[in-house]
């Protein structure tokens, strides 16, 4: 691609990662090289999309591997994992031809302060001209929203969790 754009999928509704995964599948189908960087999500249980996408030609997956909903994991460990994974992603982007990079839950990382907004803005400014970038997660910072070329807000109108229905394998993860 001659010009890579910056996209954000945000909002309090279900489907931000699902939308980004659809974009990954579309890109892979067209022969593009993709990097998926996952933050704030645990390794187990693996989501259906990760099970499906693992070992797909043209896709590299980097995962911080530490979820935020595990009270046994100290915040400092989560923050260190996020920073190390972001650094690995930057190194991968510098040494491999990548067309699309998806930073899943980047907005949450920024909201929590695990990475600084300045660090992320510097990455966006310094990226290769043809690199398409996608951030997912609730509460996208306004500075990023202003900078983005595309912003999709997914709103929660109704959710089965509200009726006590737990997450279901293959549907919710």
C-alpha atoms as a PDB file:
ATOM      1  CA  UNK A   1       0.000   0.000   0.000  1.00  0.00           C
ATOM      2  CA  UNK A   2       1.233   3.450  -0.771  1.00  0.00           C
ATOM      3  CA  UNK A   3      -0.462   5.091   2.179  1.00  0.00           C
ATOM      4  CA  UNK A   4      -1.327   3.322   5.388  1.00  0.00           C
ATOM      5  CA  UNK A   5      -4.123   4.799   7.447  1.00  0.00           C
ATOM      6  CA  UNK A   6      -4.823   4.797  11.176  1.00  0.00           C
ATOM      7  CA  UNK A   7      -8.054   3.167  12.372  1.00  0.00           C
ATOM      8  CA  UNK A   8      -9.663   2.953  15.807  1.00  0.00           C
ATOM      9  CA  UNK A   9     -12.406   0.565  16.940  1.00  0.00           C
ATOM     10  CA  UNK A  10     -13.703   1.805  20.291  1.00  0.00           C
ATOM     11  CA  UNK A  11     -16.806   2.000  22.468  1.00  0.00           C
ATOM     12  CA  UNK A  12     -18.369  -0.008  25.274  1.00  0.00           C
ATOM     13  CA  UNK A  13     -20.026  -2.585  23.022  1.00  0.00           C
ATOM     14  CA  UNK A  14     -18.946  -6.110  22.103  1.00  0.00           C
ATOM     15  CA  UNK A  15     -17.161  -6.572  18.789  1.00  0.00           C
ATOM     16  CA  UNK A  16     -14.089  -4.345  18.580  1.00  0.00           C
ATOM     17  CA  UNK A  17     -11.614  -7.226  18.465  1.00  0.00           C
ATOM     18  CA  UNK A  18     -14.013  -9.148  16.245  1.00  0.00           C
ATOM     19  CA  UNK A  19     -14.032  -6.263  13.747  1.00  0.00           C
ATOM     20  CA  UNK A  20     -10.233  -6.094  13.786  1.00  0.00           C
ATOM     21  CA  UNK A  21     -10.038  -9.864  13.303  1.00  0.00           C
ATOM     22  CA  UNK A  22     -12.282  -9.543  10.256  1.00  0.00           C
ATOM     23  CA  UNK A  23      -9.900  -6.954   8.848  1.00  0.00           C
ATOM     24  CA  UNK A  24      -6.971  -9.318   9.492  1.00  0.00           C
ATOM     25  CA  UNK A  25      -8.741 -12.096   7.584  1.00  0.00           C
ATOM     26  CA  UNK A  26      -9.479  -9.705   4.715  1.00  0.00           C
ATOM     27  CA  UNK A  27      -5.846  -8.563   4.581  1.00  0.00           C
ATOM     28  CA  UNK A  28      -4.486 -12.120   4.670  1.00  0.00           C
ATOM     29  CA  UNK A  29      -6.914 -13.093   1.914  1.00  0.00           C
ATOM     30  CA  UNK A  30      -5.384 -10.390  -0.275  1.00  0.00           C
ATOM     31  CA  UNK A  31      -1.822 -11.531   0.471  1.00  0.00           C
ATOM     32  CA  UNK A  32      -0.906  -8.767   2.917  1.00  0.00           C
ATOM     33  CA  UNK A  33       1.517  -9.334   5.801  1.00  0.00           C
ATOM     34  CA  UNK A  34      -0.064  -8.784   9.206  1.00  0.00           C
ATOM     35  CA  UNK A  35       1.149  -8.346  12.773  1.00  0.00           C
ATOM     36  CA  UNK A  36      -1.371  -8.821  15.592  1.00  0.00           C
ATOM     37  CA  UNK A  37      -0.257  -7.487  18.985  1.00  0.00           C
ATOM     38  CA  UNK A  38      -2.472  -8.518  21.895  1.00  0.00           C
ATOM     39  CA  UNK A  39      -2.528  -6.684  25.233  1.00  0.00           C
ATOM     40  CA  UNK A  40      -4.369  -7.217  28.540  1.00  0.00           C
ATOM     41  CA  UNK A  41      -5.791 -10.610  27.538  1.00  0.00           C
ATOM     42  CA  UNK A  42      -4.791 -13.899  29.133  1.00  0.00           C
ATOM     43  CA  UNK A  43      -3.249 -16.784  27.211  1.00  0.00           C
ATOM     44  CA  UNK A  44      -5.915 -19.206  28.512  1.00  0.00           C
ATOM     45  CA  UNK A  45      -8.537 -19.847  27.496  1.00  0.00           C
ATOM     46  CA  UNK A  46      -7.526 -19.071  23.937  1.00  0.00           C
ATOM     47  CA  UNK A  47     -10.165 -17.232  21.973  1.00  0.00           C
ATOM     48  CA  UNK A  48     -11.618 -18.848  18.875  1.00  0.00           C
ATOM     49  CA  UNK A  49     -10.068 -16.227  16.614  1.00  0.00           C
ATOM     50  CA  UNK A  50      -6.576 -16.881  17.993  1.00  0.00           C
ATOM     51  CA  UNK A  51      -7.048 -20.650  17.668  1.00  0.00           C
ATOM     52  CA  UNK A  52      -8.106 -20.129  14.047  1.00  0.00           C
ATOM     53  CA  UNK A  53      -5.471 -17.561  13.114  1.00  0.00           C
ATOM     54  CA  UNK A  54      -2.481 -19.278  14.718  1.00  0.00           C
ATOM     55  CA  UNK A  55      -0.094 -20.533  12.029  1.00  0.00           C
ATOM     56  CA  UNK A  56      -1.841 -18.671   9.206  1.00  0.00           C
ATOM     57  CA  UNK A  57       0.660 -17.772   6.510  1.00  0.00           C
ATOM     58  CA  UNK A  58       1.438 -14.063   6.521  1.00  0.00           C
ATOM     59  CA  UNK A  59       0.405 -13.487  10.164  1.00  0.00           C
ATOM     60  CA  UNK A  60       2.575 -13.017  13.236  1.00  0.00           C
ATOM     61  CA  UNK A  61       0.916 -12.878  16.668  1.00  0.00           C
ATOM     62  CA  UNK A  62       2.620 -11.286  19.670  1.00  0.00           C
ATOM     63  CA  UNK A  63       0.858 -11.490  23.009  1.00  0.00           C
ATOM     64  CA  UNK A  64       1.578  -9.827  26.318  1.00  0.00           C
ATOM     65  CA  UNK A  65      -0.038 -12.929  27.799  1.00  0.00           C
ATOM     66  CA  UNK A  66      -1.070 -11.334  31.077  1.00  0.00           C
ATOM     67  CA  UNK A  67      -4.745 -10.583  31.565  1.00  0.00           C
ATOM     68  CA  UNK A  68      -5.990  -7.683  33.644  1.00  0.00           C
ATOM     69  CA  UNK A  69      -8.839  -9.600  35.269  1.00  0.00           C
ATOM     70  CA  UNK A  70      -6.574 -11.936  37.231  1.00  0.00           C
ATOM     71  CA  UNK A  71      -6.231 -10.410  40.728  1.00  0.00           C
ATOM     72  CA  UNK A  72      -3.178 -12.580  41.419  1.00  0.00           C
ATOM     73  CA  UNK A  73      -1.085 -10.750  38.823  1.00  0.00           C
ATOM     74  CA  UNK A  74       0.502  -7.556  40.207  1.00  0.00           C
ATOM     75  CA  UNK A  75      -0.110  -4.401  38.213  1.00  0.00           C
ATOM     76  CA  UNK A  76       3.659  -3.907  37.780  1.00  0.00           C
ATOM     77  CA  UNK A  77       3.888  -7.299  36.076  1.00  0.00           C
ATOM     78  CA  UNK A  78       1.084  -6.418  33.661  1.00  0.00           C
ATOM     79  CA  UNK A  79       2.714  -3.069  32.871  1.00  0.00           C
ATOM     80  CA  UNK A  80       6.117  -4.698  32.268  1.00  0.00           C
ATOM     81  CA  UNK A  81       4.511  -7.296  30.002  1.00  0.00           C
ATOM     82  CA  UNK A  82       2.740  -4.599  27.973  1.00  0.00           C
ATOM     83  CA  UNK A  83       5.922  -2.566  27.535  1.00  0.00           C
ATOM     84  CA  UNK A  84       8.019  -5.593  26.573  1.00  0.00           C
ATOM     85  CA  UNK A  85       5.401  -6.687  24.031  1.00  0.00           C
ATOM     86  CA  UNK A  86       5.186  -3.184  22.538  1.00  0.00           C
ATOM     87  CA  UNK A  87       8.990  -3.137  22.205  1.00  0.00           C
ATOM     88  CA  UNK A  88       8.902  -6.580  20.524  1.00  0.00           C
ATOM     89  CA  UNK A  89       6.269  -5.256  18.119  1.00  0.00           C
ATOM     90  CA  UNK A  90       8.396  -2.229  17.216  1.00  0.00           C
ATOM     91  CA  UNK A  91      11.396  -4.495  16.645  1.00  0.00           C
ATOM     92  CA  UNK A  92       9.331  -6.820  14.459  1.00  0.00           C
ATOM     93  CA  UNK A  93       7.989  -3.901  12.420  1.00  0.00           C
ATOM     94  CA  UNK A  94      11.540  -2.595  11.916  1.00  0.00           C
ATOM     95  CA  UNK A  95      12.826  -5.937  10.636  1.00  0.00           C
ATOM     96  CA  UNK A  96       9.892  -7.420   8.677  1.00  0.00           C
ATOM     97  CA  UNK A  97       7.727  -6.133   5.826  1.00  0.00           C
ATOM     98  CA  UNK A  98       4.316  -5.650   7.441  1.00  0.00           C
ATOM     99  CA  UNK A  99       1.274  -4.108   5.741  1.00  0.00           C
ATOM    100  CA  UNK A 100      -1.175  -4.113   8.666  1.00  0.00           C
ATOM    101  CA  UNK A 101      -0.587  -4.042  12.413  1.00  0.00           C
ATOM    102  CA  UNK A 102      -3.441  -4.459  14.883  1.00  0.00           C
ATOM    103  CA  UNK A 103      -2.809  -3.427  18.483  1.00  0.00           C
ATOM    104  CA  UNK A 104      -5.657  -5.172  20.272  1.00  0.00           C
ATOM    105  CA  UNK A 105      -6.667  -3.362  23.484  1.00  0.00           C
ATOM    106  CA  UNK A 106      -4.232  -0.496  22.907  1.00  0.00           C
ATOM    107  CA  UNK A 107      -6.848   1.974  24.105  1.00  0.00           C
ATOM    108  CA  UNK A 108      -7.075   0.116  27.419  1.00  0.00           C
ATOM    109  CA  UNK A 109      -3.290   0.091  27.700  1.00  0.00           C
ATOM    110  CA  UNK A 110      -3.278   3.866  27.300  1.00  0.00           C
ATOM    111  CA  UNK A 111      -6.178   4.388  29.703  1.00  0.00           C
ATOM    112  CA  UNK A 112      -4.387   2.323  32.357  1.00  0.00           C
ATOM    113  CA  UNK A 113      -1.100   4.159  31.799  1.00  0.00           C
ATOM    114  CA  UNK A 114       0.826   1.008  30.849  1.00  0.00           C
ATOM    115  CA  UNK A 115       2.256   2.949  27.889  1.00  0.00           C
ATOM    116  CA  UNK A 116       2.401   6.711  27.573  1.00  0.00           C
ATOM    117  CA  UNK A 117       0.353   8.497  24.951  1.00  0.00           C
ATOM    118  CA  UNK A 118       3.549  10.273  23.837  1.00  0.00           C
ATOM    119  CA  UNK A 119       5.230   6.906  23.121  1.00  0.00           C
ATOM    120  CA  UNK A 120       2.294   5.770  21.024  1.00  0.00           C
ATOM    121  CA  UNK A 121       1.994   9.095  19.173  1.00  0.00           C
ATOM    122  CA  UNK A 122       5.720   8.892  18.365  1.00  0.00           C
ATOM    123  CA  UNK A 123       5.207   5.391  16.948  1.00  0.00           C
ATOM    124  CA  UNK A 124       2.352   6.667  14.760  1.00  0.00           C
ATOM    125  CA  UNK A 125       4.458   9.577  13.490  1.00  0.00           C
ATOM    126  CA  UNK A 126       7.526   7.443  12.802  1.00  0.00           C
ATOM    127  CA  UNK A 127       5.831   4.432  11.188  1.00  0.00           C
ATOM    128  CA  UNK A 128       6.481   3.426   7.588  1.00  0.00           C
ATOM    129  CA  UNK A 129       4.202   5.354   5.178  1.00  0.00           C
ATOM    130  CA  UNK A 130       2.451   2.208   3.908  1.00  0.00           C
ATOM    131  CA  UNK A 131       1.729   0.677   7.315  1.00  0.00           C
ATOM    132  CA  UNK A 132      -1.975   0.419   8.179  1.00  0.00           C
ATOM    133  CA  UNK A 133      -2.483   0.655  11.967  1.00  0.00           C
ATOM    134  CA  UNK A 134      -5.518  -0.408  13.995  1.00  0.00           C
ATOM    135  CA  UNK A 135      -6.115   0.182  17.709  1.00  0.00           C
ATOM    136  CA  UNK A 136      -8.968  -1.501  19.557  1.00  0.00           C
ATOM    137  CA  UNK A 137     -10.417  -1.041  23.007  1.00  0.00           C
ATOM    138  CA  UNK A 138     -12.784   1.054  25.036  1.00  0.00           C
ATOM    139  CA  UNK A 139     -12.202   4.723  25.760  1.00  0.00           C
ATOM    140  CA  UNK A 140      -9.921   5.746  22.907  1.00  0.00           C
ATOM    141  CA  UNK A 141      -8.061   8.909  23.955  1.00  0.00           C
ATOM    142  CA  UNK A 142      -9.383  12.022  22.247  1.00  0.00           C
ATOM    143  CA  UNK A 143      -5.905  12.867  20.900  1.00  0.00           C
ATOM    144  CA  UNK A 144      -5.921   9.555  19.015  1.00  0.00           C
ATOM    145  CA  UNK A 145      -9.496   9.976  17.811  1.00  0.00           C
ATOM    146  CA  UNK A 146      -8.561  13.361  16.309  1.00  0.00           C
ATOM    147  CA  UNK A 147      -5.527  11.830  14.600  1.00  0.00           C
ATOM    148  CA  UNK A 148      -7.276   8.718  13.233  1.00  0.00           C
ATOM    149  CA  UNK A 149      -8.420   8.380   9.651  1.00  0.00           C
ATOM    150  CA  UNK A 150     -11.284   6.066  10.606  1.00  0.00           C
ATOM    151  CA  UNK A 151     -13.035   5.705  13.967  1.00  0.00           C
ATOM    152  CA  UNK A 152     -15.774   3.150  14.545  1.00  0.00           C
ATOM    153  CA  UNK A 153     -17.629   3.351  17.833  1.00  0.00           C
ATOM    154  CA  UNK A 154     -19.333   0.137  18.908  1.00  0.00           C
ATOM    155  CA  UNK A 155     -21.980   0.934  21.508  1.00  0.00           C
ATOM    156  CA  UNK A 156     -23.550  -1.445  24.002  1.00  0.00           C
ATOM    157  CA  UNK A 157     -27.306  -1.382  23.636  1.00  0.00           C
ATOM    158  CA  UNK A 158     -28.080  -4.763  25.156  1.00  0.00           C
ATOM    159  CA  UNK A 159     -25.831  -7.634  26.274  1.00  0.00           C
ATOM    160  CA  UNK A 160     -26.502 -11.167  27.597  1.00  0.00           C
ATOM    161  CA  UNK A 161     -24.079 -10.522  30.501  1.00  0.00           C
ATOM    162  CA  UNK A 162     -26.726  -8.136  31.847  1.00  0.00           C
ATOM    163  CA  UNK A 163     -29.064 -11.147  32.214  1.00  0.00           C
ATOM    164  CA  UNK A 164     -26.404 -13.259  33.880  1.00  0.00           C
ATOM    165  CA  UNK A 165     -25.461 -15.264  30.779  1.00  0.00           C
ATOM    166  CA  UNK A 166     -21.707 -15.956  30.980  1.00  0.00           C
ATOM    167  CA  UNK A 167     -19.248 -15.723  28.075  1.00  0.00           C
ATOM    168  CA  UNK A 168     -19.695 -18.612  25.650  1.00  0.00           C
ATOM    169  CA  UNK A 169     -16.875 -20.407  23.848  1.00  0.00           C
ATOM    170  CA  UNK A 170     -17.014 -19.776  20.116  1.00  0.00           C
ATOM    171  CA  UNK A 171     -19.335 -16.810  20.499  1.00  0.00           C
ATOM    172  CA  UNK A 172     -17.788 -14.470  23.075  1.00  0.00           C
ATOM    173  CA  UNK A 173     -14.217 -15.757  22.977  1.00  0.00           C
END
